[in-house]
Amino acid sequence: MERQSNEAFFWTLFSAGGVIAAILIPVHIFLFGLAFPLGWLPAPSYEHMMALVRLPVVRIYLFVLCSLPLFHWAHRFRYTLFDGLQVKHLNEVIFTLCYGGAVVGTVLAGYLLWNMG
């Protein structure tokens, strides 16, 4: 019996992470890196932000915002090393380090968000 490939799963994580990274992260960078510090928009108070973070739907949003771009990075970096640098002999090591790093980051984000508040 032939073993089924897991490539489709990782390509799905790659594309979802790319969408999140392309659409949502620039919005956060604009708001928290420019608009609030420069006074273009009134900055929310610490208490208001913590009240938002305590909402389950916001925690899920932040979890997705943190985890999917990690898998996008892992997939892109893996194929950059694999195809670009031609280190095909290290495929298993690269796979483990890239996706393992994304899993560790995802677990850490989940832990921090779960225990916040």
N, C-alpha and C. Protein backbone atom coordinates (compact mmCIF):
# COMPACT_ATOMS: atom_id res chain seq x y z
N MET A 1 0.84 -1.18 0.00
CA MET A 1 0.00 0.00 0.00
C MET A 1 0.89 1.25 0.00
N GLU A 2 0.56 2.19 -0.84
CA GLU A 2 1.36 3.40 -0.99
C GLU A 2 0.97 4.43 0.07
N ARG A 3 1.98 5.05 0.64
CA ARG A 3 1.76 6.07 1.66
C ARG A 3 1.31 7.37 1.01
N GLN A 4 0.26 7.98 1.57
CA GLN A 4 -0.27 9.23 1.01
C GLN A 4 0.60 10.41 1.44
N SER A 5 0.80 11.34 0.53
CA SER A 5 1.64 12.51 0.78
C SER A 5 0.90 13.53 1.64
N ASN A 6 1.65 14.23 2.48
CA ASN A 6 1.08 15.29 3.31
C ASN A 6 1.32 16.67 2.70
N GLU A 7 1.79 16.73 1.47
CA GLU A 7 2.13 17.99 0.83
C GLU A 7 0.92 18.92 0.70
N ALA A 8 -0.25 18.39 0.39
CA ALA A 8 -1.44 19.24 0.23
C ALA A 8 -1.76 19.97 1.52
N PHE A 9 -1.60 19.31 2.64
CA PHE A 9 -1.85 19.94 3.94
C PHE A 9 -0.90 21.12 4.16
N PHE A 10 0.37 20.93 3.87
CA PHE A 10 1.34 21.99 4.08
C PHE A 10 1.17 23.13 3.07
N TRP A 11 0.75 22.81 1.85
CA TRP A 11 0.47 23.88 0.88
C TRP A 11 -0.75 24.69 1.32
N THR A 12 -1.72 24.04 1.95
CA THR A 12 -2.90 24.76 2.48
C THR A 12 -2.48 25.71 3.60
N LEU A 13 -1.64 25.24 4.52
CA LEU A 13 -1.14 26.11 5.59
C LEU A 13 -0.32 27.26 5.00
N PHE A 14 0.47 26.95 3.97
CA PHE A 14 1.27 27.98 3.31
C PHE A 14 0.39 29.07 2.72
N SER A 15 -0.65 28.68 2.00
CA SER A 15 -1.48 29.69 1.35
C SER A 15 -2.30 30.47 2.36
N ALA A 16 -2.84 29.81 3.37
CA ALA A 16 -3.60 30.52 4.41
C ALA A 16 -2.70 31.49 5.16
N GLY A 17 -1.50 31.06 5.49
CA GLY A 17 -0.55 31.94 6.16
C GLY A 17 -0.13 33.11 5.30
N GLY A 18 -0.03 32.89 4.00
CA GLY A 18 0.31 33.97 3.09
C GLY A 18 -0.78 35.03 3.01
N VAL A 19 -2.02 34.58 3.02
CA VAL A 19 -3.14 35.53 3.01
C VAL A 19 -3.16 36.35 4.28
N ILE A 20 -2.99 35.70 5.42
CA ILE A 20 -2.96 36.40 6.70
C ILE A 20 -1.79 37.39 6.73
N ALA A 21 -0.63 36.92 6.30
CA ALA A 21 0.55 37.79 6.32
C ALA A 21 0.41 38.98 5.37
N ALA A 22 -0.27 38.78 4.26
CA ALA A 22 -0.39 39.86 3.28
C ALA A 22 -1.48 40.85 3.61
N ILE A 23 -2.53 40.40 4.27
CA ILE A 23 -3.68 41.28 4.50
C ILE A 23 -3.73 41.82 5.92
N LEU A 24 -3.60 40.97 6.91
CA LEU A 24 -3.83 41.39 8.30
C LEU A 24 -2.61 41.99 8.98
N ILE A 25 -1.44 41.43 8.76
CA ILE A 25 -0.24 41.94 9.44
C ILE A 25 0.07 43.38 9.05
N PRO A 26 -0.04 43.79 7.77
CA PRO A 26 0.18 45.21 7.47
C PRO A 26 -0.79 46.14 8.17
N VAL A 27 -2.01 45.70 8.38
CA VAL A 27 -2.98 46.53 9.12
C VAL A 27 -2.51 46.73 10.55
N HIS A 28 -2.04 45.67 11.19
CA HIS A 28 -1.54 45.77 12.56
C HIS A 28 -0.29 46.63 12.64
N ILE A 29 0.59 46.48 11.66
CA ILE A 29 1.80 47.31 11.64
C ILE A 29 1.43 48.78 11.47
N PHE A 30 0.48 49.07 10.58
CA PHE A 30 0.06 50.44 10.40
C PHE A 30 -0.54 51.01 11.68
N LEU A 31 -1.46 50.27 12.29
CA LEU A 31 -2.13 50.79 13.49
C LEU A 31 -1.17 50.95 14.66
N PHE A 32 -0.46 49.88 15.00
CA PHE A 32 0.35 49.89 16.22
C PHE A 32 1.76 50.43 16.00
N GLY A 33 2.20 50.52 14.75
CA GLY A 33 3.53 51.05 14.47
C GLY A 33 3.54 52.49 14.01
N LEU A 34 2.41 52.95 13.44
CA LEU A 34 2.36 54.32 12.93
C LEU A 34 1.19 55.13 13.48
N ALA A 35 -0.02 54.66 13.22
CA ALA A 35 -1.21 55.48 13.50
C ALA A 35 -1.36 55.81 14.98
N PHE A 36 -1.24 54.84 15.85
CA PHE A 36 -1.37 55.13 17.29
C PHE A 36 -0.18 55.90 17.85
N PRO A 37 1.07 55.47 17.59
CA PRO A 37 2.21 56.22 18.16
C PRO A 37 2.33 57.66 17.65
N LEU A 38 1.96 57.90 16.39
CA LEU A 38 2.10 59.24 15.83
C LEU A 38 0.87 60.11 16.08
N GLY A 39 -0.14 59.55 16.73
CA GLY A 39 -1.33 60.32 17.07
C GLY A 39 -2.31 60.51 15.93
N TRP A 40 -2.16 59.77 14.85
CA TRP A 40 -3.11 59.87 13.74
C TRP A 40 -4.47 59.35 14.15
N LEU A 41 -4.48 58.35 15.02
CA LEU A 41 -5.72 57.79 15.59
C LEU A 41 -5.55 57.76 17.10
N PRO A 42 -6.64 57.92 17.84
CA PRO A 42 -6.51 57.83 19.30
C PRO A 42 -6.15 56.40 19.72
N ALA A 43 -5.12 56.30 20.51
CA ALA A 43 -4.64 54.99 20.95
C ALA A 43 -5.57 54.41 22.00
N PRO A 44 -5.90 53.12 21.88
CA PRO A 44 -6.71 52.49 22.92
C PRO A 44 -5.90 52.35 24.21
N SER A 45 -6.59 52.39 25.31
CA SER A 45 -5.91 52.25 26.60
C SER A 45 -5.51 50.80 26.83
N TYR A 46 -4.60 50.61 27.75
CA TYR A 46 -4.16 49.27 28.12
C TYR A 46 -5.34 48.44 28.62
N GLU A 47 -6.17 49.04 29.44
CA GLU A 47 -7.33 48.33 29.98
C GLU A 47 -8.28 47.89 28.86
N HIS A 48 -8.47 48.77 27.88
CA HIS A 48 -9.34 48.43 26.75
C HIS A 48 -8.75 47.27 25.93
N MET A 49 -7.46 47.32 25.68
CA MET A 49 -6.81 46.25 24.92
C MET A 49 -6.87 44.92 25.66
N MET A 50 -6.66 44.96 26.98
CA MET A 50 -6.73 43.72 27.76
C MET A 50 -8.16 43.18 27.79
N ALA A 51 -9.15 44.07 27.85
CA ALA A 51 -10.54 43.63 27.80
C ALA A 51 -10.83 42.95 26.46
N LEU A 52 -10.27 43.48 25.37
CA LEU A 52 -10.44 42.85 24.07
C LEU A 52 -9.77 41.48 24.01
N VAL A 53 -8.57 41.40 24.53
CA VAL A 53 -7.82 40.14 24.48
C VAL A 53 -8.48 39.05 25.32
N ARG A 54 -9.24 39.43 26.28
CA ARG A 54 -9.94 38.43 27.11
C ARG A 54 -11.13 37.80 26.40
N LEU A 55 -11.58 38.39 25.30
CA LEU A 55 -12.69 37.82 24.54
C LEU A 55 -12.21 36.60 23.75
N PRO A 56 -12.96 35.50 23.80
CA PRO A 56 -12.52 34.28 23.09
C PRO A 56 -12.32 34.48 21.59
N VAL A 57 -13.19 35.23 20.94
CA VAL A 57 -13.06 35.42 19.50
C VAL A 57 -11.78 36.20 19.17
N VAL A 58 -11.38 37.12 20.02
CA VAL A 58 -10.14 37.87 19.80
C VAL A 58 -8.93 36.97 20.02
N ARG A 59 -9.02 36.09 20.99
CA ARG A 59 -7.91 35.15 21.22
C ARG A 59 -7.75 34.21 20.03
N ILE A 60 -8.86 33.76 19.47
CA ILE A 60 -8.79 32.91 18.28
C ILE A 60 -8.16 33.68 17.12
N TYR A 61 -8.60 34.92 16.95
CA TYR A 61 -8.04 35.78 15.90
C TYR A 61 -6.53 35.94 16.09
N LEU A 62 -6.10 36.24 17.30
CA LEU A 62 -4.67 36.42 17.55
C LEU A 62 -3.89 35.12 17.36
N PHE A 63 -4.50 34.00 17.71
CA PHE A 63 -3.86 32.71 17.50
C PHE A 63 -3.64 32.46 16.01
N VAL A 64 -4.67 32.73 15.21
CA VAL A 64 -4.54 32.57 13.76
C VAL A 64 -3.52 33.55 13.20
N LEU A 65 -3.55 34.78 13.71
CA LEU A 65 -2.61 35.82 13.26
C LEU A 65 -1.16 35.43 13.56
N CYS A 66 -0.94 34.69 14.62
CA CYS A 66 0.42 34.26 14.98
C CYS A 66 0.82 32.96 14.30
N SER A 67 -0.09 31.99 14.25
CA SER A 67 0.30 30.65 13.83
C SER A 67 0.38 30.45 12.31
N LEU A 68 -0.59 30.92 11.56
CA LEU A 68 -0.57 30.65 10.13
C LEU A 68 0.61 31.28 9.41
N PRO A 69 0.99 32.53 9.72
CA PRO A 69 2.20 33.05 9.07
C PRO A 69 3.47 32.26 9.42
N LEU A 70 3.51 31.62 10.58
CA LEU A 70 4.66 30.77 10.91
C LEU A 70 4.75 29.59 9.95
N PHE A 71 3.62 28.99 9.63
CA PHE A 71 3.63 27.87 8.68
C PHE A 71 3.92 28.35 7.26
N HIS A 72 3.48 29.56 6.94
CA HIS A 72 3.83 30.14 5.64
C HIS A 72 5.35 30.30 5.55
N TRP A 73 5.94 30.86 6.61
CA TRP A 73 7.39 31.01 6.64
C TRP A 73 8.08 29.65 6.53
N ALA A 74 7.61 28.67 7.30
CA ALA A 74 8.26 27.36 7.31
C ALA A 74 8.27 26.74 5.92
N HIS A 75 7.14 26.81 5.24
CA HIS A 75 7.05 26.22 3.91
C HIS A 75 7.93 26.97 2.91
N ARG A 76 7.89 28.29 2.95
CA ARG A 76 8.69 29.10 2.04
C ARG A 76 10.19 28.88 2.30
N PHE A 77 10.58 28.87 3.55
CA PHE A 77 11.99 28.69 3.90
C PHE A 77 12.47 27.29 3.52
N ARG A 78 11.61 26.29 3.75
CA ARG A 78 11.96 24.92 3.39
C ARG A 78 12.25 24.82 1.90
N TYR A 79 11.36 25.36 1.08
CA TYR A 79 11.56 25.25 -0.36
C TYR A 79 12.66 26.16 -0.87
N THR A 80 12.93 27.24 -0.16
CA THR A 80 14.08 28.07 -0.52
C THR A 80 15.37 27.29 -0.33
N LEU A 81 15.48 26.61 0.80
CA LEU A 81 16.67 25.79 1.04
C LEU A 81 16.72 24.59 0.12
N PHE A 82 15.58 23.94 -0.05
CA PHE A 82 15.51 22.71 -0.82
C PHE A 82 15.78 22.95 -2.30
N ASP A 83 15.08 23.93 -2.88
CA ASP A 83 15.22 24.18 -4.32
C ASP A 83 16.31 25.20 -4.63
N GLY A 84 16.36 26.28 -3.86
CA GLY A 84 17.29 27.36 -4.16
C GLY A 84 18.73 27.00 -3.87
N LEU A 85 18.97 26.40 -2.72
CA LEU A 85 20.34 26.07 -2.33
C LEU A 85 20.73 24.63 -2.65
N GLN A 86 19.78 23.87 -3.18
CA GLN A 86 20.03 22.49 -3.60
C GLN A 86 20.58 21.61 -2.47
N VAL A 87 19.97 21.69 -1.30
CA VAL A 87 20.39 20.83 -0.18
C VAL A 87 19.37 19.70 -0.01
N LYS A 88 19.11 18.99 -1.09
CA LYS A 88 18.11 17.92 -1.10
C LYS A 88 18.49 16.76 -0.17
N HIS A 89 19.75 16.59 0.08
CA HIS A 89 20.20 15.51 0.95
C HIS A 89 19.81 15.77 2.42
N LEU A 90 19.48 17.01 2.75
CA LEU A 90 19.07 17.35 4.12
C LEU A 90 17.57 17.57 4.24
N ASN A 91 16.80 16.98 3.35
CA ASN A 91 15.36 17.23 3.30
C ASN A 91 14.66 16.93 4.63
N GLU A 92 14.97 15.80 5.25
CA GLU A 92 14.29 15.43 6.50
C GLU A 92 14.65 16.39 7.63
N VAL A 93 15.90 16.80 7.70
CA VAL A 93 16.34 17.72 8.74
C VAL A 93 15.68 19.09 8.54
N ILE A 94 15.69 19.57 7.30
CA ILE A 94 15.07 20.86 7.00
C ILE A 94 13.58 20.82 7.28
N PHE A 95 12.92 19.75 6.87
CA PHE A 95 11.49 19.59 7.13
C PHE A 95 11.20 19.67 8.63
N THR A 96 11.97 18.93 9.40
CA THR A 96 11.76 18.88 10.84
C THR A 96 12.03 20.23 11.50
N LEU A 97 13.10 20.89 11.12
CA LEU A 97 13.43 22.18 11.73
C LEU A 97 12.42 23.27 11.34
N CYS A 98 12.05 23.32 10.08
CA CYS A 98 11.11 24.37 9.64
C CYS A 98 9.73 24.19 10.24
N TYR A 99 9.14 23.03 10.00
CA TYR A 99 7.79 22.81 10.51
C TYR A 99 7.78 22.62 12.02
N GLY A 100 8.85 22.08 12.57
CA GLY A 100 8.96 21.97 14.02
C GLY A 100 9.00 23.35 14.67
N GLY A 101 9.72 24.28 14.05
CA GLY A 101 9.74 25.65 14.56
C GLY A 101 8.37 26.29 14.50
N ALA A 102 7.64 26.04 13.40
CA ALA A 102 6.28 26.58 13.28
C ALA A 102 5.35 25.96 14.33
N VAL A 103 5.50 24.68 14.57
CA VAL A 103 4.66 24.02 15.59
C VAL A 103 5.00 24.56 16.98
N VAL A 104 6.27 24.73 17.28
CA VAL A 104 6.67 25.27 18.58
C VAL A 104 6.13 26.69 18.76
N GLY A 105 6.24 27.51 17.74
CA GLY A 105 5.69 28.86 17.81
C GLY A 105 4.18 28.87 17.97
N THR A 106 3.50 27.95 17.30
CA THR A 106 2.05 27.85 17.42
C THR A 106 1.65 27.40 18.82
N VAL A 107 2.33 26.42 19.35
CA VAL A 107 2.04 25.95 20.70
C VAL A 107 2.32 27.05 21.72
N LEU A 108 3.40 27.77 21.55
CA LEU A 108 3.72 28.88 22.45
C LEU A 108 2.66 29.98 22.38
N ALA A 109 2.23 30.33 21.18
CA ALA A 109 1.18 31.34 21.03
C ALA A 109 -0.10 30.86 21.70
N GLY A 110 -0.47 29.61 21.48
CA GLY A 110 -1.66 29.08 22.12
C GLY A 110 -1.56 29.07 23.63
N TYR A 111 -0.41 28.69 24.14
CA TYR A 111 -0.21 28.68 25.60
C TYR A 111 -0.34 30.08 26.18
N LEU A 112 0.33 31.04 25.56
CA LEU A 112 0.29 32.41 26.06
C LEU A 112 -1.12 33.00 25.99
N LEU A 113 -1.80 32.76 24.89
CA LEU A 113 -3.17 33.29 24.77
C LEU A 113 -4.14 32.59 25.71
N TRP A 114 -3.95 31.30 25.93
CA TRP A 114 -4.82 30.55 26.83
C TRP A 114 -4.66 31.04 28.27
N ASN A 115 -3.43 31.34 28.67
CA ASN A 115 -3.14 31.73 30.06
C ASN A 115 -3.16 33.24 30.28
N MET A 116 -3.50 34.00 29.28
CA MET A 116 -3.52 35.45 29.41
C MET A 116 -4.78 35.88 30.16
N GLY A 117 -4.61 36.86 30.99
CA GLY A 117 -5.78 37.45 31.65
C GLY A 117 -5.99 36.86 32.98
